[in-house]
Amino acid sequence: MVRTPLTPEERERGERLGRLLREARGSRSMVEVAAAAGLSAETLRKIETGRAPTPAFFTVAALAASLGLSMDDLVRRCAPLPAPRAA
């Protein structure tokens, strides 16, 4: 199966998600947070660094729960930025 290349917007959204997760993780180790979410530390590392910019919904939900984040907040903070309106 050939994967469709990501758009610049998808890459940016993945980078925003990674930054948000890193900030929420704070001083907790990657291994600790990944284990609490039922993921490998490598999966979390890929998401945080933007190498996995489109993680599965249940992966994001598990990370959000382990970090005490609401899915609503994640959507609000990671959703695509609105396009500029034409004048």
N, C-alpha and C. Protein backbone atom coordinates (compact mmCIF):
# COMPACT_ATOMS: atom_id res chain seq x y z
N MET A 1 0.84 -1.18 0.00
CA MET A 1 0.00 0.00 0.00
C MET A 1 0.89 1.24 0.00
N VAL A 2 0.61 2.15 -0.90
CA VAL A 2 1.36 3.40 -0.99
C VAL A 2 0.61 4.45 -0.18
N ARG A 3 1.33 5.13 0.68
CA ARG A 3 0.71 6.15 1.52
C ARG A 3 0.75 7.50 0.80
N THR A 4 -0.36 8.21 0.84
CA THR A 4 -0.45 9.54 0.24
C THR A 4 0.42 10.50 1.05
N PRO A 5 1.24 11.30 0.38
CA PRO A 5 2.07 12.27 1.12
C PRO A 5 1.21 13.22 1.94
N LEU A 6 1.73 13.61 3.09
CA LEU A 6 1.02 14.52 3.96
C LEU A 6 1.06 15.94 3.40
N THR A 7 0.01 16.67 3.66
CA THR A 7 -0.03 18.06 3.26
C THR A 7 0.76 18.88 4.28
N PRO A 8 1.17 20.08 3.92
CA PRO A 8 1.84 20.94 4.90
C PRO A 8 0.97 21.18 6.15
N GLU A 9 -0.34 21.28 5.97
CA GLU A 9 -1.24 21.49 7.10
C GLU A 9 -1.23 20.28 8.04
N GLU A 10 -1.21 19.07 7.47
CA GLU A 10 -1.16 17.86 8.30
C GLU A 10 0.15 17.79 9.07
N ARG A 11 1.23 18.16 8.41
CA ARG A 11 2.53 18.17 9.11
C ARG A 11 2.53 19.17 10.26
N GLU A 12 2.00 20.36 10.01
CA GLU A 12 1.94 21.39 11.04
C GLU A 12 1.06 20.95 12.21
N ARG A 13 -0.07 20.33 11.91
CA ARG A 13 -0.96 19.85 12.97
C ARG A 13 -0.24 18.79 13.81
N GLY A 14 0.53 17.90 13.17
CA GLY A 14 1.30 16.90 13.89
C GLY A 14 2.36 17.53 14.78
N GLU A 15 2.99 18.59 14.30
CA GLU A 15 3.99 19.29 15.10
C GLU A 15 3.35 19.97 16.31
N ARG A 16 2.15 20.55 16.11
CA ARG A 16 1.44 21.17 17.24
C ARG A 16 1.07 20.11 18.28
N LEU A 17 0.60 18.96 17.82
CA LEU A 17 0.26 17.87 18.73
C LEU A 17 1.50 17.43 19.51
N GLY A 18 2.61 17.25 18.82
CA GLY A 18 3.85 16.85 19.50
C GLY A 18 4.28 17.84 20.56
N ARG A 19 4.23 19.14 20.24
CA ARG A 19 4.59 20.17 21.22
C ARG A 19 3.67 20.14 22.43
N LEU A 20 2.38 20.00 22.18
CA LEU A 20 1.40 19.96 23.27
C LEU A 20 1.65 18.76 24.18
N LEU A 21 1.91 17.61 23.60
CA LEU A 21 2.17 16.41 24.41
C LEU A 21 3.45 16.56 25.22
N ARG A 22 4.49 17.11 24.60
CA ARG A 22 5.76 17.33 25.33
C ARG A 22 5.54 18.26 26.52
N GLU A 23 4.81 19.36 26.28
CA GLU A 23 4.53 20.31 27.36
C GLU A 23 3.73 19.65 28.47
N ALA A 24 2.72 18.88 28.11
CA ALA A 24 1.87 18.23 29.10
C ALA A 24 2.64 17.16 29.87
N ARG A 25 3.59 16.52 29.22
CA ARG A 25 4.39 15.47 29.88
C ARG A 25 5.28 16.08 30.95
N GLY A 26 5.74 17.31 30.74
CA GLY A 26 6.56 18.00 31.72
C GLY A 26 7.80 17.21 32.09
N SER A 27 7.98 16.95 33.38
CA SER A 27 9.18 16.25 33.85
C SER A 27 9.01 14.74 33.86
N ARG A 28 7.81 14.26 33.52
CA ARG A 28 7.61 12.80 33.47
C ARG A 28 8.40 12.24 32.30
N SER A 29 8.93 11.06 32.47
CA SER A 29 9.72 10.45 31.40
C SER A 29 8.82 9.96 30.27
N MET A 30 9.39 9.88 29.09
CA MET A 30 8.68 9.37 27.94
C MET A 30 8.23 7.93 28.20
N VAL A 31 9.10 7.14 28.83
CA VAL A 31 8.79 5.74 29.13
C VAL A 31 7.58 5.65 30.07
N GLU A 32 7.55 6.50 31.09
CA GLU A 32 6.46 6.49 32.06
C GLU A 32 5.12 6.83 31.40
N VAL A 33 5.11 7.88 30.59
CA VAL A 33 3.87 8.31 29.94
C VAL A 33 3.43 7.28 28.90
N ALA A 34 4.36 6.77 28.14
CA ALA A 34 4.02 5.77 27.12
C ALA A 34 3.44 4.52 27.77
N ALA A 35 4.05 4.07 28.85
CA ALA A 35 3.56 2.87 29.54
C ALA A 35 2.15 3.11 30.09
N ALA A 36 1.91 4.29 30.65
CA ALA A 36 0.58 4.62 31.19
C ALA A 36 -0.47 4.62 30.09
N ALA A 37 -0.06 4.97 28.87
CA ALA A 37 -0.98 5.01 27.74
C ALA A 37 -1.06 3.69 26.99
N GLY A 38 -0.21 2.73 27.38
CA GLY A 38 -0.20 1.44 26.69
C GLY A 38 0.50 1.47 25.35
N LEU A 39 1.49 2.36 25.22
CA LEU A 39 2.24 2.52 23.98
C LEU A 39 3.71 2.27 24.24
N SER A 40 4.46 2.14 23.16
CA SER A 40 5.91 2.06 23.31
C SER A 40 6.47 3.48 23.41
N ALA A 41 7.61 3.60 24.06
CA ALA A 41 8.26 4.90 24.15
C ALA A 41 8.63 5.40 22.76
N GLU A 42 8.97 4.48 21.85
CA GLU A 42 9.32 4.88 20.48
C GLU A 42 8.12 5.50 19.77
N THR A 43 6.94 4.97 19.98
CA THR A 43 5.74 5.55 19.38
C THR A 43 5.53 6.97 19.89
N LEU A 44 5.65 7.15 21.20
CA LEU A 44 5.50 8.49 21.77
C LEU A 44 6.58 9.42 21.24
N ARG A 45 7.79 8.94 21.13
CA ARG A 45 8.89 9.76 20.60
C ARG A 45 8.57 10.22 19.17
N LYS A 46 8.07 9.31 18.35
CA LYS A 46 7.73 9.66 16.96
C LYS A 46 6.62 10.71 16.91
N ILE A 47 5.64 10.59 17.78
CA ILE A 47 4.55 11.56 17.80
C ILE A 47 5.06 12.92 18.27
N GLU A 48 5.83 12.91 19.35
CA GLU A 48 6.34 14.18 19.90
C GLU A 48 7.27 14.91 18.94
N THR A 49 8.01 14.16 18.12
CA THR A 49 8.96 14.80 17.21
C THR A 49 8.36 15.07 15.83
N GLY A 50 7.11 14.69 15.62
CA GLY A 50 6.46 14.94 14.34
C GLY A 50 6.75 13.90 13.29
N ARG A 51 7.48 12.84 13.63
CA ARG A 51 7.75 11.77 12.65
C ARG A 51 6.53 10.89 12.44
N ALA A 52 5.55 10.97 13.33
CA ALA A 52 4.26 10.28 13.17
C ALA A 52 3.17 11.33 13.36
N PRO A 53 2.99 12.20 12.35
CA PRO A 53 2.09 13.35 12.51
C PRO A 53 0.61 13.02 12.49
N THR A 54 0.25 11.79 12.13
CA THR A 54 -1.18 11.44 12.08
C THR A 54 -1.43 10.15 12.86
N PRO A 55 -1.21 10.19 14.18
CA PRO A 55 -1.44 8.98 14.98
C PRO A 55 -2.91 8.61 15.00
N ALA A 56 -3.18 7.34 15.27
CA ALA A 56 -4.55 6.85 15.35
C ALA A 56 -5.31 7.54 16.48
N PHE A 57 -6.60 7.65 16.31
CA PHE A 57 -7.46 8.30 17.31
C PHE A 57 -7.27 7.68 18.70
N PHE A 58 -7.29 6.36 18.78
CA PHE A 58 -7.19 5.71 20.09
C PHE A 58 -5.81 5.91 20.72
N THR A 59 -4.79 6.09 19.92
CA THR A 59 -3.46 6.41 20.45
C THR A 59 -3.49 7.79 21.09
N VAL A 60 -4.07 8.75 20.39
CA VAL A 60 -4.17 10.11 20.93
C VAL A 60 -5.05 10.12 22.18
N ALA A 61 -6.15 9.39 22.15
CA ALA A 61 -7.05 9.34 23.30
C ALA A 61 -6.34 8.74 24.52
N ALA A 62 -5.55 7.69 24.32
CA ALA A 62 -4.83 7.07 25.43
C ALA A 62 -3.78 8.02 26.00
N LEU A 63 -3.08 8.74 25.12
CA LEU A 63 -2.09 9.71 25.60
C LEU A 63 -2.77 10.85 26.35
N ALA A 64 -3.87 11.34 25.81
CA ALA A 64 -4.60 12.43 26.47
C ALA A 64 -5.03 11.99 27.87
N ALA A 65 -5.57 10.80 27.99
CA ALA A 65 -6.02 10.30 29.30
C ALA A 65 -4.84 10.17 30.27
N SER A 66 -3.71 9.67 29.79
CA SER A 66 -2.56 9.49 30.68
C SER A 66 -1.94 10.82 31.09
N LEU A 67 -2.17 11.88 30.31
CA LEU A 67 -1.61 13.19 30.61
C LEU A 67 -2.63 14.14 31.24
N GLY A 68 -3.87 13.67 31.40
CA GLY A 68 -4.90 14.52 31.99
C GLY A 68 -5.39 15.61 31.07
N LEU A 69 -5.32 15.37 29.77
CA LEU A 69 -5.79 16.35 28.78
C LEU A 69 -7.17 15.93 28.27
N SER A 70 -8.02 16.88 27.96
CA SER A 70 -9.30 16.53 27.37
C SER A 70 -9.14 16.48 25.85
N MET A 71 -9.93 15.63 25.24
CA MET A 71 -9.90 15.54 23.77
C MET A 71 -10.38 16.85 23.15
N ASP A 72 -11.32 17.52 23.81
CA ASP A 72 -11.79 18.81 23.30
C ASP A 72 -10.64 19.82 23.24
N ASP A 73 -9.83 19.84 24.29
CA ASP A 73 -8.69 20.76 24.33
C ASP A 73 -7.69 20.41 23.24
N LEU A 74 -7.43 19.12 23.06
CA LEU A 74 -6.50 18.71 22.00
C LEU A 74 -6.99 19.15 20.63
N VAL A 75 -8.26 18.94 20.38
CA VAL A 75 -8.82 19.33 19.08
C VAL A 75 -8.69 20.84 18.89
N ARG A 76 -9.06 21.58 19.92
CA ARG A 76 -9.00 23.04 19.84
C ARG A 76 -7.58 23.53 19.56
N ARG A 77 -6.61 22.92 20.24
CA ARG A 77 -5.23 23.39 20.13
C ARG A 77 -4.48 22.82 18.93
N CYS A 78 -4.97 21.73 18.35
CA CYS A 78 -4.25 21.11 17.23
C CYS A 78 -4.98 21.21 15.91
N ALA A 79 -6.20 21.71 15.92
CA ALA A 79 -6.98 21.81 14.68
C ALA A 79 -6.27 22.75 13.71
N PRO A 80 -6.52 22.55 12.42
CA PRO A 80 -5.91 23.44 11.43
C PRO A 80 -6.27 24.90 11.72
N LEU A 81 -5.33 25.76 11.45
CA LEU A 81 -5.58 27.19 11.62
C LEU A 81 -6.52 27.63 10.51
N PRO A 82 -7.45 28.54 10.82
CA PRO A 82 -8.37 29.00 9.78
C PRO A 82 -7.64 29.72 8.66
N ALA A 83 -8.11 29.51 7.46
CA ALA A 83 -7.51 30.17 6.30
C ALA A 83 -7.86 31.66 6.33
N PRO A 84 -6.93 32.50 5.87
CA PRO A 84 -7.23 33.94 5.83
C PRO A 84 -8.42 34.20 4.90
N ARG A 85 -9.24 35.12 5.29
CA ARG A 85 -10.41 35.47 4.48
C ARG A 85 -10.02 36.49 3.42
N ALA A 86 -10.61 36.34 2.27
CA ALA A 86 -10.37 37.28 1.19
C ALA A 86 -11.08 38.60 1.52
N ALA A 87 -10.41 39.68 1.20
CA ALA A 87 -10.99 41.00 1.51
C ALA A 87 -11.88 41.48 0.41
